[in-house]
Amino acid sequence: MRKPNCRKQRNLQWRFYRNMRKHRANTLGLEKQVRVLKDDVNTLMQATEEQRKKINEIIEERNAWAEFFREYFEVGEEKKTPFIIRVWKKVFAK
């Protein structure tokens, strides 16, 4: 067991946190894209086939990411502790 504040451990924790933030930004970006596209379609009142395909692609991608994060961060129905702490406990238990 390493000391909790040794450099390697801190770097690991920071890297994990940074990656998590990056993934969150990616998923939020996708949602914004979907919203913008939906607004565009609503102003046109009728989407072309290409637009429908693009919207469905983005929605599928977003749902896939959401599913991945649900599993990865073990989001349960009831949250006792923040997921980052749940995951960290598991990651750094070794």
N, C-alpha and C. Protein backbone atom coordinates (compact mmCIF):
# COMPACT_ATOMS: atom_id res chain seq x y z
N MET A 1 0.85 -1.20 0.00
CA MET A 1 0.00 0.00 0.00
C MET A 1 0.88 1.25 0.00
N ARG A 2 0.66 2.09 -0.99
CA ARG A 2 1.44 3.32 -1.07
C ARG A 2 0.87 4.39 -0.16
N LYS A 3 1.71 5.35 0.15
CA LYS A 3 1.18 6.49 0.91
C LYS A 3 0.16 7.20 0.03
N PRO A 4 -0.93 7.66 0.61
CA PRO A 4 -2.01 8.24 -0.22
C PRO A 4 -1.58 9.50 -0.95
N ASN A 5 -0.56 10.21 -0.44
CA ASN A 5 -0.22 11.47 -1.10
C ASN A 5 1.06 11.36 -1.93
N CYS A 6 1.48 10.13 -2.26
CA CYS A 6 2.68 10.03 -3.07
C CYS A 6 2.34 10.49 -4.50
N ARG A 7 3.37 10.91 -5.22
CA ARG A 7 3.17 11.57 -6.50
C ARG A 7 2.42 10.69 -7.50
N LYS A 8 2.78 9.42 -7.57
CA LYS A 8 2.15 8.54 -8.55
C LYS A 8 0.64 8.44 -8.30
N GLN A 9 0.29 8.31 -7.04
CA GLN A 9 -1.12 8.21 -6.67
C GLN A 9 -1.87 9.50 -7.03
N ARG A 10 -1.26 10.63 -6.70
CA ARG A 10 -1.89 11.92 -7.02
C ARG A 10 -2.10 12.07 -8.51
N ASN A 11 -1.07 11.67 -9.28
CA ASN A 11 -1.19 11.77 -10.73
C ASN A 11 -2.30 10.88 -11.25
N LEU A 12 -2.39 9.69 -10.69
CA LEU A 12 -3.46 8.77 -11.10
C LEU A 12 -4.82 9.39 -10.83
N GLN A 13 -4.96 9.93 -9.62
CA GLN A 13 -6.25 10.51 -9.25
C GLN A 13 -6.58 11.68 -10.16
N TRP A 14 -5.60 12.51 -10.42
CA TRP A 14 -5.83 13.68 -11.25
C TRP A 14 -6.20 13.26 -12.66
N ARG A 15 -5.47 12.25 -13.19
CA ARG A 15 -5.74 11.81 -14.55
C ARG A 15 -7.16 11.27 -14.66
N PHE A 16 -7.55 10.49 -13.66
CA PHE A 16 -8.90 9.92 -13.66
C PHE A 16 -9.94 11.04 -13.65
N TYR A 17 -9.73 12.03 -12.78
CA TYR A 17 -10.67 13.14 -12.66
C TYR A 17 -10.74 13.92 -13.96
N ARG A 18 -9.57 14.20 -14.55
CA ARG A 18 -9.53 14.98 -15.78
C ARG A 18 -10.25 14.25 -16.91
N ASN A 19 -10.01 12.94 -17.02
CA ASN A 19 -10.67 12.17 -18.06
C ASN A 19 -12.18 12.17 -17.87
N MET A 20 -12.59 12.06 -16.62
CA MET A 20 -14.02 12.08 -16.33
C MET A 20 -14.63 13.40 -16.79
N ARG A 21 -13.95 14.51 -16.48
CA ARG A 21 -14.46 15.82 -16.90
C ARG A 21 -14.55 15.90 -18.42
N LYS A 22 -13.52 15.35 -19.09
CA LYS A 22 -13.50 15.41 -20.54
C LYS A 22 -14.70 14.65 -21.12
N HIS A 23 -14.95 13.43 -20.58
CA HIS A 23 -16.07 12.63 -21.06
C HIS A 23 -17.38 13.36 -20.82
N ARG A 24 -17.51 13.99 -19.66
CA ARG A 24 -18.73 14.73 -19.35
C ARG A 24 -18.93 15.85 -20.36
N ALA A 25 -17.83 16.54 -20.67
CA ALA A 25 -17.91 17.62 -21.66
C ALA A 25 -18.37 17.06 -23.00
N ASN A 26 -17.85 15.89 -23.37
CA ASN A 26 -18.24 15.29 -24.64
C ASN A 26 -19.73 15.00 -24.68
N THR A 27 -20.26 14.42 -23.61
CA THR A 27 -21.68 14.07 -23.62
C THR A 27 -22.53 15.34 -23.64
N LEU A 28 -22.12 16.37 -22.90
CA LEU A 28 -22.88 17.62 -22.90
C LEU A 28 -22.84 18.25 -24.29
N GLY A 29 -21.68 18.17 -24.93
CA GLY A 29 -21.55 18.71 -26.29
C GLY A 29 -22.54 18.03 -27.23
N LEU A 30 -22.67 16.72 -27.11
CA LEU A 30 -23.60 15.98 -27.96
C LEU A 30 -25.03 16.45 -27.72
N GLU A 31 -25.38 16.66 -26.46
CA GLU A 31 -26.75 17.09 -26.17
C GLU A 31 -27.02 18.45 -26.79
N LYS A 32 -26.03 19.35 -26.72
CA LYS A 32 -26.20 20.67 -27.34
C LYS A 32 -26.41 20.52 -28.83
N GLN A 33 -25.60 19.65 -29.46
CA GLN A 33 -25.74 19.42 -30.90
C GLN A 33 -27.15 18.97 -31.23
N VAL A 34 -27.66 18.03 -30.45
CA VAL A 34 -29.00 17.50 -30.70
C VAL A 34 -30.02 18.63 -30.59
N ARG A 35 -29.88 19.44 -29.53
CA ARG A 35 -30.83 20.53 -29.32
C ARG A 35 -30.82 21.49 -30.51
N VAL A 36 -29.61 21.86 -30.94
CA VAL A 36 -29.48 22.81 -32.05
C VAL A 36 -30.11 22.22 -33.30
N LEU A 37 -29.80 20.95 -33.58
CA LEU A 37 -30.35 20.32 -34.77
C LEU A 37 -31.87 20.25 -34.72
N LYS A 38 -32.40 19.92 -33.54
CA LYS A 38 -33.86 19.83 -33.42
C LYS A 38 -34.49 21.20 -33.68
N ASP A 39 -33.86 22.26 -33.14
CA ASP A 39 -34.38 23.61 -33.38
C ASP A 39 -34.37 23.93 -34.87
N ASP A 40 -33.25 23.59 -35.54
CA ASP A 40 -33.15 23.82 -36.98
C ASP A 40 -34.30 23.13 -37.69
N VAL A 41 -34.52 21.88 -37.32
CA VAL A 41 -35.57 21.08 -37.98
C VAL A 41 -36.93 21.70 -37.72
N ASN A 42 -37.15 22.17 -36.50
CA ASN A 42 -38.44 22.77 -36.19
C ASN A 42 -38.67 24.04 -37.00
N THR A 43 -37.61 24.82 -37.23
CA THR A 43 -37.80 26.03 -38.02
C THR A 43 -38.09 25.66 -39.47
N LEU A 44 -37.50 24.57 -39.94
CA LEU A 44 -37.77 24.13 -41.31
C LEU A 44 -39.13 23.44 -41.40
N MET A 45 -39.66 23.03 -40.24
CA MET A 45 -40.96 22.35 -40.13
C MET A 45 -40.91 20.93 -40.68
N GLN A 46 -39.96 20.65 -41.53
CA GLN A 46 -39.96 19.32 -42.12
C GLN A 46 -38.52 18.99 -42.47
N ALA A 47 -38.00 17.95 -41.85
CA ALA A 47 -36.59 17.60 -42.03
C ALA A 47 -36.40 16.76 -43.28
N THR A 48 -35.29 17.02 -43.94
CA THR A 48 -34.95 16.17 -45.09
C THR A 48 -34.46 14.83 -44.55
N GLU A 49 -34.33 13.87 -45.45
CA GLU A 49 -33.89 12.53 -45.03
C GLU A 49 -32.51 12.60 -44.39
N GLU A 50 -31.61 13.41 -44.98
CA GLU A 50 -30.25 13.53 -44.45
C GLU A 50 -30.26 14.05 -43.02
N GLN A 51 -31.06 15.08 -42.78
CA GLN A 51 -31.12 15.67 -41.43
C GLN A 51 -31.62 14.65 -40.42
N ARG A 52 -32.66 13.91 -40.82
CA ARG A 52 -33.20 12.89 -39.92
C ARG A 52 -32.11 11.89 -39.56
N LYS A 53 -31.35 11.46 -40.58
CA LYS A 53 -30.28 10.50 -40.34
C LYS A 53 -29.27 11.07 -39.36
N LYS A 54 -28.89 12.33 -39.58
CA LYS A 54 -27.86 12.94 -38.73
C LYS A 54 -28.36 13.04 -37.29
N ILE A 55 -29.60 13.47 -37.12
CA ILE A 55 -30.15 13.60 -35.77
C ILE A 55 -30.17 12.23 -35.09
N ASN A 56 -30.64 11.22 -35.81
CA ASN A 56 -30.71 9.88 -35.22
C ASN A 56 -29.33 9.36 -34.85
N GLU A 57 -28.34 9.64 -35.72
CA GLU A 57 -26.97 9.23 -35.42
C GLU A 57 -26.50 9.84 -34.11
N ILE A 58 -26.71 11.16 -33.99
CA ILE A 58 -26.23 11.86 -32.79
C ILE A 58 -26.96 11.35 -31.55
N ILE A 59 -28.27 11.13 -31.68
CA ILE A 59 -29.04 10.65 -30.53
C ILE A 59 -28.55 9.25 -30.13
N GLU A 60 -28.30 8.39 -31.13
CA GLU A 60 -27.80 7.05 -30.81
C GLU A 60 -26.46 7.13 -30.11
N GLU A 61 -25.58 8.01 -30.63
CA GLU A 61 -24.26 8.16 -30.03
C GLU A 61 -24.39 8.62 -28.58
N ARG A 62 -25.29 9.60 -28.38
CA ARG A 62 -25.48 10.12 -27.02
C ARG A 62 -26.00 9.02 -26.09
N ASN A 63 -26.95 8.23 -26.57
CA ASN A 63 -27.50 7.16 -25.74
C ASN A 63 -26.44 6.10 -25.43
N ALA A 64 -25.59 5.83 -26.42
CA ALA A 64 -24.52 4.85 -26.20
C ALA A 64 -23.58 5.35 -25.11
N TRP A 65 -23.22 6.64 -25.19
CA TRP A 65 -22.34 7.22 -24.17
C TRP A 65 -23.02 7.16 -22.81
N ALA A 66 -24.30 7.52 -22.78
CA ALA A 66 -25.02 7.53 -21.50
C ALA A 66 -25.00 6.14 -20.88
N GLU A 67 -25.24 5.12 -21.71
CA GLU A 67 -25.24 3.74 -21.23
C GLU A 67 -23.87 3.37 -20.68
N PHE A 68 -22.83 3.76 -21.44
CA PHE A 68 -21.46 3.46 -21.02
C PHE A 68 -21.16 4.07 -19.66
N PHE A 69 -21.56 5.33 -19.46
CA PHE A 69 -21.25 6.00 -18.20
C PHE A 69 -22.06 5.44 -17.06
N ARG A 70 -23.29 5.01 -17.37
CA ARG A 70 -24.09 4.40 -16.31
C ARG A 70 -23.37 3.17 -15.77
N GLU A 71 -22.83 2.36 -16.67
CA GLU A 71 -22.10 1.17 -16.22
C GLU A 71 -20.77 1.55 -15.59
N TYR A 72 -20.05 2.47 -16.25
CA TYR A 72 -18.68 2.78 -15.82
C TYR A 72 -18.66 3.42 -14.45
N PHE A 73 -19.60 4.33 -14.22
CA PHE A 73 -19.62 5.04 -12.95
C PHE A 73 -20.63 4.44 -11.97
N GLU A 74 -21.22 3.29 -12.36
CA GLU A 74 -22.12 2.55 -11.48
C GLU A 74 -23.19 3.44 -10.88
N VAL A 75 -23.94 4.07 -11.74
CA VAL A 75 -25.00 4.95 -11.25
C VAL A 75 -26.18 4.08 -10.86
N GLY A 76 -26.54 4.12 -9.59
CA GLY A 76 -27.67 3.34 -9.13
C GLY A 76 -28.91 4.20 -9.05
N GLU A 77 -30.02 3.59 -8.66
CA GLU A 77 -31.24 4.36 -8.49
C GLU A 77 -31.10 5.33 -7.32
N GLU A 78 -30.57 4.81 -6.22
CA GLU A 78 -30.38 5.68 -5.04
C GLU A 78 -28.89 5.94 -4.90
N LYS A 79 -28.55 7.21 -4.73
CA LYS A 79 -27.13 7.57 -4.64
C LYS A 79 -26.80 7.85 -3.18
N LYS A 80 -25.85 7.09 -2.67
CA LYS A 80 -25.43 7.31 -1.28
C LYS A 80 -24.23 8.24 -1.24
N THR A 81 -23.22 7.92 -2.05
CA THR A 81 -22.04 8.78 -2.13
C THR A 81 -21.88 9.21 -3.58
N PRO A 82 -21.22 10.33 -3.82
CA PRO A 82 -21.00 10.75 -5.21
C PRO A 82 -20.26 9.66 -5.98
N PHE A 83 -20.58 9.51 -7.27
CA PHE A 83 -20.02 8.37 -8.01
C PHE A 83 -18.51 8.45 -8.09
N ILE A 84 -17.94 9.66 -8.13
CA ILE A 84 -16.48 9.77 -8.25
C ILE A 84 -15.83 9.11 -7.05
N ILE A 85 -16.43 9.26 -5.87
CA ILE A 85 -15.85 8.66 -4.66
C ILE A 85 -16.05 7.15 -4.69
N ARG A 86 -17.23 6.70 -5.13
CA ARG A 86 -17.46 5.26 -5.25
C ARG A 86 -16.41 4.62 -6.15
N VAL A 87 -16.18 5.26 -7.29
CA VAL A 87 -15.23 4.70 -8.26
C VAL A 87 -13.82 4.77 -7.71
N TRP A 88 -13.47 5.90 -7.12
CA TRP A 88 -12.11 6.05 -6.58
C TRP A 88 -11.82 4.99 -5.53
N LYS A 89 -12.79 4.74 -4.66
CA LYS A 89 -12.59 3.74 -3.62
C LYS A 89 -12.24 2.40 -4.25
N LYS A 90 -12.94 2.10 -5.35
CA LYS A 90 -12.69 0.83 -6.03
C LYS A 90 -11.33 0.85 -6.72
N VAL A 91 -11.04 1.96 -7.42
CA VAL A 91 -9.81 2.05 -8.20
C VAL A 91 -8.59 2.00 -7.31
N PHE A 92 -8.65 2.74 -6.19
CA PHE A 92 -7.46 2.86 -5.36
C PHE A 92 -7.47 1.92 -4.16
N ALA A 93 -8.39 0.95 -4.17
CA ALA A 93 -8.41 -0.02 -3.08
C ALA A 93 -7.21 -0.96 -3.18
N LYS A 94 -6.66 -1.06 -4.41
CA LYS A 94 -5.54 -1.99 -4.63
C LYS A 94 -4.27 -1.50 -3.98
